[in-house]
Amino acid sequence: MNGAQDMGGQMGFGPVAPEKNEPLFHAPWEKRALALTLAAGAMGRWNIDESRHARESLHPADYLSSSYYEIWIKALETLLLRHGFVTAEELSAGEARVPAAAPPRVLSAEMTPGVLARGGPTNRTKAGEPRFKPGDAVRCIVINPRGHTRLPRYARGKTGVIEAVHGAHVFPDSNAHGSGEAPDWLYTVAFEARELWGRDADPASVVSIDAWENYLEPA
């Protein structure tokens, strides 16, 4: 979807100002937000793509006025409601009032190091061969989907060059909506900055994105 999270190339938001020696967390509650999100995801009722889509589906005014972990918590509320773990009344009251849905699994403290070490690999097998190879010129398709996508707006309709082929991976546009993993070939595509941003862009700059084959056509 064309949400507030897709900010590449937009103006008016000020410069990116990295913090020197930035801490992992700026407040204790951010640690808890991360822990809750990971523990809830480990219950097995939703995947990372549905989780991302929940964040991106926040109203733009809400999204842009929220901090990083505030966005995580607001999306987690949406997911917990959707899958029957809480009710709207319970979220408002801040306490449990009815029995919740039983999770398929529960992440214990003892399990956590191993689960985090394994991560969530998305590489899969796929029959056939990739359509493109390094050096091929490709164009990103132009889409305005109502659902989840990982194709940024600034790259749609733009021409780039295949930089690398990463094998087949879970297709997030399908996986986010419970329509299956639908593995698809994943590439790194490099674009000249002027192709993306116009003649005033730095002629020496290159922008690379990861793009699934479903997003690409021969240029």
Foldseek 3Di string as FASTA:
>chain_A
DPFLVLCPPPDDPDDDDDDDVDDPDPDPVLVVLVVVLVQVVVLPPADPLLLVQLLRPPHRVVNVVDDPSVSSVNSVVVVCCVQFQAHPVCVVVVHGDDHGDDRNDGQDPVNVVVDVVVDDFFADADPDDAPDAFFFKKAFADDDDPADAPDRNLRHRFIWTFHHKDHWGFHSRCRSVVNDRPTFIKTKTKDQVCSRNNDVDDRVDIDIDIDTPVGIDGD
